[in-house]
Amino acid sequence: MNDHPNAQCPCASTRFSLKGKALLRGFCHCTICQAFNQAGYADITIFRAKDVAKPDPALVELKSYRSPPVLQRGKCGHCHKPAIEYFHLFPMPELVIVPTANILDSDLIPEPSLHIFYDRRVEDVQDNLPKYNGYLSSQLAFGRRLVTALRSSDR
């Protein structure tokens, strides 16, 4: 694994290493992502947990916003900005979600593939990506892309 940190929170107190190829990048407009990121949407990139040397747990304040707690969102304990998120929903492998702006190595950032919870958007986004509205449509679109990416990465 790359031991040189190539991802960090905005203040660089919470640093960690990513290796390999990201599975997926997308934009989430849900109200939880808006509040967590203090922005109109979250630009996130997803990696398999095995491809991430996680930061020191003492540096990250984790919080779950919904039950069951399949997603733990982590903010830097110093700057209190989004640092890293952990997602685990059996039977899927554990995943790590990184705010794309926290990735220092641009070669690790894939092109975005979709917008989810677009009906909750703060403002319109002018791009050609598919935009999914509502809980079920957003979850299904995200899930399909994620499963496809996981299968492709297993090859």
Protein backbone atom coordinates (compact mmCIF):
# COMPACT_ATOMS: atom_id res chain seq x y z
CA MET A 1 0.00 0.00 0.00
CA ASN A 2 1.09 3.54 -0.68
CA ASP A 3 2.33 4.78 2.70
CA HIS A 4 2.66 8.34 1.46
CA PRO A 5 -0.53 10.26 2.33
CA ASN A 6 -2.35 11.28 -0.84
CA ALA A 7 -5.63 12.32 0.79
CA GLN A 8 -6.35 14.71 3.61
CA CYS A 9 -8.94 16.96 5.21
CA PRO A 10 -8.78 20.68 4.33
CA CYS A 11 -6.44 21.54 7.24
CA ALA A 12 -4.18 18.48 6.59
CA SER A 13 -4.46 17.24 10.18
CA THR A 14 -6.30 14.08 9.09
CA ARG A 15 -4.18 12.41 6.42
CA PHE A 16 -4.42 8.97 4.86
CA SER A 17 -3.32 6.93 1.86
CA LEU A 18 -5.30 5.65 -1.12
CA LYS A 19 -4.14 3.07 -3.62
CA GLY A 20 -5.62 1.49 -6.66
CA LYS A 21 -8.54 2.63 -8.69
CA ALA A 22 -11.63 4.30 -7.28
CA LEU A 23 -14.88 2.43 -7.79
CA LEU A 24 -17.19 5.34 -8.43
CA ARG A 25 -17.57 9.09 -8.20
CA GLY A 26 -20.87 10.91 -7.95
CA PHE A 27 -22.76 13.86 -6.57
CA CYS A 28 -25.27 13.48 -3.73
CA HIS A 29 -27.80 16.25 -3.12
CA CYS A 30 -29.54 14.70 -0.08
CA THR A 31 -30.14 16.97 2.88
CA ILE A 32 -27.80 14.92 5.09
CA CYS A 33 -24.92 15.37 2.62
CA GLN A 34 -25.74 19.07 2.33
CA ALA A 35 -25.57 19.49 6.12
CA PHE A 36 -22.51 17.27 6.59
CA ASN A 37 -20.55 19.02 3.83
CA GLN A 38 -21.98 22.48 4.45
CA ALA A 39 -22.51 22.69 0.70
CA GLY A 40 -25.25 22.28 -1.88
CA TYR A 41 -24.14 18.69 -2.58
CA ALA A 42 -21.40 16.18 -1.86
CA ASP A 43 -18.83 15.31 -4.52
CA ILE A 44 -17.71 11.86 -3.36
CA THR A 45 -15.33 9.17 -4.57
CA ILE A 46 -15.67 5.59 -3.35
CA PHE A 47 -12.89 3.08 -2.74
CA ARG A 48 -12.77 -0.45 -1.37
CA ALA A 49 -11.68 -0.24 2.28
CA LYS A 50 -8.78 -2.60 1.57
CA ASP A 51 -7.39 0.10 -0.74
CA VAL A 52 -7.29 2.75 1.98
CA ALA A 53 -4.79 3.14 4.83
CA LYS A 54 -7.28 4.75 7.19
CA PRO A 55 -6.34 7.74 9.30
CA ASP A 56 -5.70 7.46 13.03
CA PRO A 57 -9.18 6.99 14.56
CA ALA A 58 -8.31 9.52 17.28
CA LEU A 59 -8.19 12.22 14.59
CA VAL A 60 -11.69 11.62 13.23
CA GLU A 61 -15.06 12.34 14.85
CA LEU A 62 -17.50 9.74 13.50
CA LYS A 63 -21.26 10.14 13.42
CA SER A 64 -24.16 8.15 11.96
CA TYR A 65 -27.14 10.20 10.84
CA ARG A 66 -29.57 7.32 10.20
CA SER A 67 -30.29 3.87 11.56
CA PRO A 68 -29.06 1.32 10.97
CA PRO A 69 -25.60 2.87 11.05
CA VAL A 70 -24.29 1.46 7.75
CA LEU A 71 -22.63 4.80 7.00
CA GLN A 72 -20.38 6.55 9.48
CA ARG A 73 -19.41 10.05 8.45
CA GLY A 74 -16.12 11.36 9.76
CA LYS A 75 -15.01 14.93 10.30
CA CYS A 76 -11.50 16.01 11.19
CA GLY A 77 -11.22 16.56 14.93
CA HIS A 78 -9.20 19.71 14.30
CA CYS A 79 -10.94 21.65 11.48
CA HIS A 80 -14.31 19.83 11.77
CA LYS A 81 -14.56 19.47 7.98
CA PRO A 82 -15.50 16.23 6.20
CA ALA A 83 -12.51 13.89 6.11
CA ILE A 84 -13.61 10.31 5.39
CA GLU A 85 -16.70 8.09 5.59
CA TYR A 86 -17.05 4.36 6.20
CA PHE A 87 -19.82 2.31 4.58
CA HIS A 88 -20.58 -1.29 5.39
CA LEU A 89 -23.76 -3.07 4.40
CA PHE A 90 -23.60 -6.87 4.46
CA PRO A 91 -22.99 -8.71 2.12
CA MET A 92 -21.09 -5.96 0.29
CA PRO A 93 -17.42 -5.36 1.03
CA GLU A 94 -16.55 -2.48 3.32
CA LEU A 95 -16.20 0.77 1.40
CA VAL A 96 -14.59 4.12 2.11
CA ILE A 97 -16.10 7.34 0.83
CA VAL A 98 -13.74 10.26 0.37
CA PRO A 99 -14.80 13.82 -0.40
CA THR A 100 -13.25 14.24 -3.85
CA ALA A 101 -11.65 17.55 -2.86
CA ASN A 102 -9.67 15.64 -0.19
CA ILE A 103 -7.86 13.51 -2.79
CA LEU A 104 -4.46 15.05 -3.54
CA ASP A 105 -3.52 12.75 -6.44
CA SER A 106 -5.67 13.74 -9.43
CA ASP A 107 -4.85 10.40 -11.11
CA LEU A 108 -7.03 8.72 -8.46
CA ILE A 109 -10.10 10.82 -9.28
CA PRO A 110 -12.46 9.29 -11.84
CA GLU A 111 -14.98 11.20 -13.90
CA PRO A 112 -18.30 11.59 -12.07
CA SER A 113 -21.11 9.32 -13.21
CA LEU A 114 -24.40 10.55 -11.70
CA HIS A 115 -26.36 12.88 -9.42
CA ILE A 116 -28.58 11.34 -6.74
CA PHE A 117 -31.34 12.94 -4.66
CA TYR A 118 -31.42 15.66 -7.30
CA ASP A 119 -34.93 16.64 -6.21
CA ARG A 120 -33.29 18.00 -3.02
CA ARG A 121 -30.84 20.18 -4.93
CA VAL A 122 -30.17 23.72 -3.78
CA GLU A 123 -29.49 24.87 -7.35
CA ASP A 124 -29.51 23.32 -10.79
CA VAL A 125 -26.31 21.74 -12.09
CA GLN A 126 -25.60 22.10 -15.79
CA ASP A 127 -23.94 18.88 -16.95
CA ASN A 128 -24.88 15.84 -18.99
CA LEU A 129 -24.82 13.36 -16.11
CA PRO A 130 -27.98 11.41 -15.29
CA LYS A 131 -29.95 12.96 -12.44
CA TYR A 132 -32.07 10.78 -10.16
CA ASN A 133 -34.87 12.05 -7.94
CA GLY A 134 -36.34 10.53 -4.81
CA TYR A 135 -35.09 7.93 -2.38
CA LEU A 136 -35.80 4.72 -4.29
CA SER A 137 -34.67 5.94 -7.71
CA SER A 138 -31.47 7.44 -6.24
CA GLN A 139 -30.60 4.37 -4.18
CA LEU A 140 -31.25 1.99 -7.08
CA ALA A 141 -29.18 4.04 -9.54
CA PHE A 142 -26.31 4.37 -7.08
CA GLY A 143 -26.51 0.69 -6.13
CA ARG A 144 -26.46 -0.49 -9.76
CA ARG A 145 -23.39 1.59 -10.55
CA LEU A 146 -21.65 0.48 -7.39
CA VAL A 147 -22.31 -3.23 -7.98
CA THR A 148 -21.11 -2.89 -11.59
CA ALA A 149 -17.92 -1.16 -10.38
CA LEU A 150 -17.32 -3.83 -7.72
CA ARG A 151 -17.71 -6.61 -10.29
CA SER A 152 -15.36 -4.86 -12.72
CA SER A 153 -12.73 -4.38 -10.02
CA ASP A 154 -12.83 -8.09 -9.16
CA ARG A 155 -11.63 -9.02 -12.66
